[in-house]
Amino acid sequence: MADDPNSSQQGLQDLNVTQQSGVRYIGLLIQAIKSVFPQQSGTATTATGGAATLPANPVGFIVVSLPNGTSVKVPYYGG
């Protein structure tokens, strides 16, 4: 049974359209993620305004990946 060249070409066009849509939606997803998780603008070892003493034992830790690839643990405390 011979393949219909027009059918094969239509299949490739459909695949191309699907890929283009996928790339477009990945771009939109990246924009949405960036709006929810904005880029870190800097770090600090001190802060002003909050002089409260933190509890000795945090409830847990949030693991954050820094832009340089380093993972750090940030403690969080219950209220």
N, C-alpha and C. Protein backbone atom coordinates (compact mmCIF):
# COMPACT_ATOMS: atom_id res chain seq x y z
N MET A 1 0.85 -1.18 0.00
CA MET A 1 0.00 0.00 0.00
C MET A 1 0.90 1.24 0.00
N ALA A 2 0.77 2.09 -0.98
CA ALA A 2 1.61 3.28 -1.11
C ALA A 2 1.06 4.41 -0.25
N ASP A 3 2.00 5.18 0.33
CA ASP A 3 1.59 6.34 1.14
C ASP A 3 1.16 7.47 0.23
N ASP A 4 0.15 8.18 0.63
CA ASP A 4 -0.31 9.35 -0.12
C ASP A 4 0.59 10.53 0.26
N PRO A 5 1.34 11.11 -0.68
CA PRO A 5 2.25 12.23 -0.35
C PRO A 5 1.52 13.42 0.28
N ASN A 6 0.29 13.67 -0.16
CA ASN A 6 -0.48 14.79 0.41
C ASN A 6 -0.81 14.53 1.87
N SER A 7 -1.10 13.27 2.19
CA SER A 7 -1.42 12.90 3.57
C SER A 7 -0.20 13.07 4.47
N SER A 8 0.97 12.65 3.97
CA SER A 8 2.22 12.79 4.74
C SER A 8 2.55 14.25 4.98
N GLN A 9 2.37 15.06 3.93
CA GLN A 9 2.67 16.49 4.06
C GLN A 9 1.71 17.15 5.06
N GLN A 10 0.45 16.78 5.02
CA GLN A 10 -0.52 17.34 5.96
C GLN A 10 -0.15 16.94 7.39
N GLY A 11 0.29 15.69 7.56
CA GLY A 11 0.70 15.24 8.89
C GLY A 11 1.88 16.03 9.42
N LEU A 12 2.84 16.34 8.55
CA LEU A 12 3.99 17.15 8.97
C LEU A 12 3.58 18.57 9.31
N GLN A 13 2.64 19.11 8.53
CA GLN A 13 2.15 20.47 8.83
C GLN A 13 1.43 20.49 10.17
N ASP A 14 0.62 19.45 10.44
CA ASP A 14 -0.08 19.36 11.73
C ASP A 14 0.91 19.26 12.87
N LEU A 15 1.97 18.47 12.68
CA LEU A 15 3.00 18.33 13.71
C LEU A 15 3.70 19.66 13.96
N ASN A 16 3.99 20.39 12.89
CA ASN A 16 4.64 21.70 13.01
C ASN A 16 3.77 22.68 13.78
N VAL A 17 2.48 22.71 13.47
CA VAL A 17 1.55 23.60 14.18
C VAL A 17 1.48 23.23 15.66
N THR A 18 1.45 21.94 15.94
CA THR A 18 1.40 21.48 17.33
C THR A 18 2.66 21.90 18.08
N GLN A 19 3.82 21.74 17.44
CA GLN A 19 5.08 22.15 18.08
C GLN A 19 5.11 23.65 18.33
N GLN A 20 4.67 24.44 17.37
CA GLN A 20 4.65 25.89 17.54
C GLN A 20 3.74 26.29 18.70
N SER A 21 2.58 25.63 18.80
CA SER A 21 1.67 25.91 19.90
C SER A 21 2.32 25.54 21.23
N GLY A 22 3.01 24.40 21.26
CA GLY A 22 3.70 23.98 22.48
C GLY A 22 4.73 24.98 22.92
N VAL A 23 5.54 25.48 21.99
CA VAL A 23 6.56 26.48 22.32
C VAL A 23 5.91 27.76 22.83
N ARG A 24 4.82 28.18 22.19
CA ARG A 24 4.12 29.40 22.62
C ARG A 24 3.59 29.24 24.04
N TYR A 25 2.99 28.09 24.34
CA TYR A 25 2.43 27.88 25.68
C TYR A 25 3.51 27.70 26.74
N ILE A 26 4.65 27.15 26.37
CA ILE A 26 5.77 27.08 27.31
C ILE A 26 6.25 28.49 27.64
N GLY A 27 6.31 29.36 26.64
CA GLY A 27 6.67 30.76 26.88
C GLY A 27 5.70 31.44 27.83
N LEU A 28 4.41 31.20 27.64
CA LEU A 28 3.40 31.78 28.53
C LEU A 28 3.53 31.22 29.94
N LEU A 29 3.83 29.94 30.05
CA LEU A 29 4.02 29.31 31.35
C LEU A 29 5.22 29.92 32.07
N ILE A 30 6.31 30.15 31.34
CA ILE A 30 7.50 30.76 31.94
C ILE A 30 7.16 32.16 32.46
N GLN A 31 6.42 32.93 31.69
CA GLN A 31 6.01 34.28 32.13
C GLN A 31 5.18 34.19 33.40
N ALA A 32 4.26 33.24 33.46
CA ALA A 32 3.41 33.10 34.65
C ALA A 32 4.24 32.71 35.87
N ILE A 33 5.18 31.80 35.69
CA ILE A 33 6.04 31.37 36.79
C ILE A 33 6.89 32.54 37.28
N LYS A 34 7.43 33.34 36.35
CA LYS A 34 8.25 34.49 36.75
C LYS A 34 7.42 35.52 37.52
N SER A 35 6.13 35.63 37.21
CA SER A 35 5.31 36.60 37.94
C SER A 35 5.00 36.10 39.35
N VAL A 36 4.97 34.78 39.54
CA VAL A 36 4.70 34.22 40.86
C VAL A 36 5.99 34.13 41.68
N PHE A 37 7.09 33.78 41.02
CA PHE A 37 8.38 33.62 41.68
C PHE A 37 9.39 34.59 41.06
N PRO A 38 9.35 35.86 41.46
CA PRO A 38 10.25 36.83 40.85
C PRO A 38 11.71 36.50 41.18
N GLN A 39 12.60 36.98 40.33
CA GLN A 39 14.03 36.75 40.52
C GLN A 39 14.51 37.43 41.79
N GLN A 40 15.47 36.77 42.42
CA GLN A 40 16.09 37.35 43.61
C GLN A 40 16.91 38.55 43.18
N SER A 41 16.78 39.67 43.92
CA SER A 41 17.50 40.87 43.53
C SER A 41 18.75 41.09 44.36
N GLY A 42 18.97 40.30 45.38
CA GLY A 42 20.17 40.45 46.20
C GLY A 42 20.05 39.68 47.49
N THR A 43 21.08 39.69 48.26
CA THR A 43 21.08 39.03 49.56
C THR A 43 21.58 40.01 50.60
N ALA A 44 21.29 39.71 51.86
CA ALA A 44 21.75 40.56 52.95
C ALA A 44 22.02 39.67 54.16
N THR A 45 22.97 40.08 54.97
CA THR A 45 23.25 39.36 56.21
C THR A 45 22.65 40.06 57.40
N THR A 46 22.12 41.26 57.19
CA THR A 46 21.47 42.01 58.26
C THR A 46 20.16 42.59 57.71
N ALA A 47 19.29 43.00 58.63
CA ALA A 47 18.04 43.63 58.24
C ALA A 47 17.70 44.71 59.25
N THR A 48 16.92 45.68 58.81
CA THR A 48 16.49 46.73 59.73
C THR A 48 15.00 46.58 59.98
N GLY A 49 14.55 47.07 61.10
CA GLY A 49 13.13 47.11 61.41
C GLY A 49 12.64 45.96 62.27
N GLY A 50 13.18 44.80 62.14
CA GLY A 50 12.71 43.66 62.92
C GLY A 50 13.78 43.22 63.91
N ALA A 51 13.56 43.51 65.17
CA ALA A 51 14.56 43.17 66.18
C ALA A 51 14.09 42.05 67.08
N ALA A 52 13.06 41.31 66.65
CA ALA A 52 12.52 40.24 67.48
C ALA A 52 13.47 39.05 67.50
N THR A 53 13.55 38.39 68.64
CA THR A 53 14.35 37.18 68.76
C THR A 53 13.54 36.00 68.22
N LEU A 54 14.15 35.22 67.34
CA LEU A 54 13.46 34.08 66.76
C LEU A 54 13.45 32.91 67.73
N PRO A 55 12.46 32.05 67.64
CA PRO A 55 12.44 30.86 68.49
C PRO A 55 13.66 29.98 68.20
N ALA A 56 14.03 29.15 69.18
CA ALA A 56 15.20 28.31 69.03
C ALA A 56 15.02 27.24 67.96
N ASN A 57 13.81 26.71 67.82
CA ASN A 57 13.58 25.61 66.89
C ASN A 57 12.58 26.01 65.81
N PRO A 58 13.02 26.06 64.55
CA PRO A 58 12.07 26.36 63.47
C PRO A 58 11.12 25.18 63.26
N VAL A 59 9.95 25.48 62.68
CA VAL A 59 8.98 24.44 62.36
C VAL A 59 9.52 23.56 61.23
N GLY A 60 10.23 24.17 60.31
CA GLY A 60 10.80 23.44 59.17
C GLY A 60 11.68 24.35 58.35
N PHE A 61 12.08 23.85 57.20
CA PHE A 61 12.97 24.60 56.32
C PHE A 61 12.44 24.56 54.90
N ILE A 62 12.61 25.66 54.19
CA ILE A 62 12.29 25.74 52.77
C ILE A 62 13.62 25.67 52.04
N VAL A 63 13.75 24.77 51.08
CA VAL A 63 14.97 24.66 50.30
C VAL A 63 14.83 25.56 49.08
N VAL A 64 15.79 26.47 48.92
CA VAL A 64 15.78 27.44 47.82
C VAL A 64 17.03 27.23 46.98
N SER A 65 16.86 27.17 45.66
CA SER A 65 18.01 27.08 44.76
C SER A 65 18.38 28.48 44.31
N LEU A 66 19.60 28.88 44.60
CA LEU A 66 20.08 30.20 44.22
C LEU A 66 20.48 30.19 42.74
N PRO A 67 20.58 31.38 42.12
CA PRO A 67 20.93 31.44 40.69
C PRO A 67 22.26 30.76 40.35
N ASN A 68 23.18 30.68 41.31
CA ASN A 68 24.47 30.04 41.03
C ASN A 68 24.40 28.52 41.18
N GLY A 69 23.22 27.98 41.49
CA GLY A 69 23.05 26.54 41.62
C GLY A 69 23.14 26.02 43.04
N THR A 70 23.55 26.85 43.98
CA THR A 70 23.65 26.45 45.38
C THR A 70 22.27 26.32 46.00
N SER A 71 22.06 25.26 46.76
CA SER A 71 20.80 25.10 47.50
C SER A 71 21.02 25.53 48.94
N VAL A 72 20.09 26.33 49.46
CA VAL A 72 20.17 26.77 50.85
C VAL A 72 18.86 26.45 51.54
N LYS A 73 18.91 26.27 52.83
CA LYS A 73 17.72 26.02 53.65
C LYS A 73 17.37 27.29 54.39
N VAL A 74 16.12 27.71 54.27
CA VAL A 74 15.63 28.91 54.94
C VAL A 74 14.63 28.44 56.00
N PRO A 75 14.88 28.75 57.29
CA PRO A 75 13.96 28.28 58.32
C PRO A 75 12.64 29.04 58.30
N TYR A 76 11.56 28.36 58.69
CA TYR A 76 10.30 29.05 58.91
C TYR A 76 9.77 28.67 60.29
N TYR A 77 9.02 29.59 60.88
CA TYR A 77 8.57 29.45 62.26
C TYR A 77 7.06 29.52 62.32
N GLY A 78 6.46 28.79 63.24
CA GLY A 78 5.00 28.81 63.44
C GLY A 78 4.61 29.99 64.32
N GLY A 79 3.35 30.34 64.26
CA GLY A 79 2.87 31.49 65.01
C GLY A 79 2.26 31.11 66.23
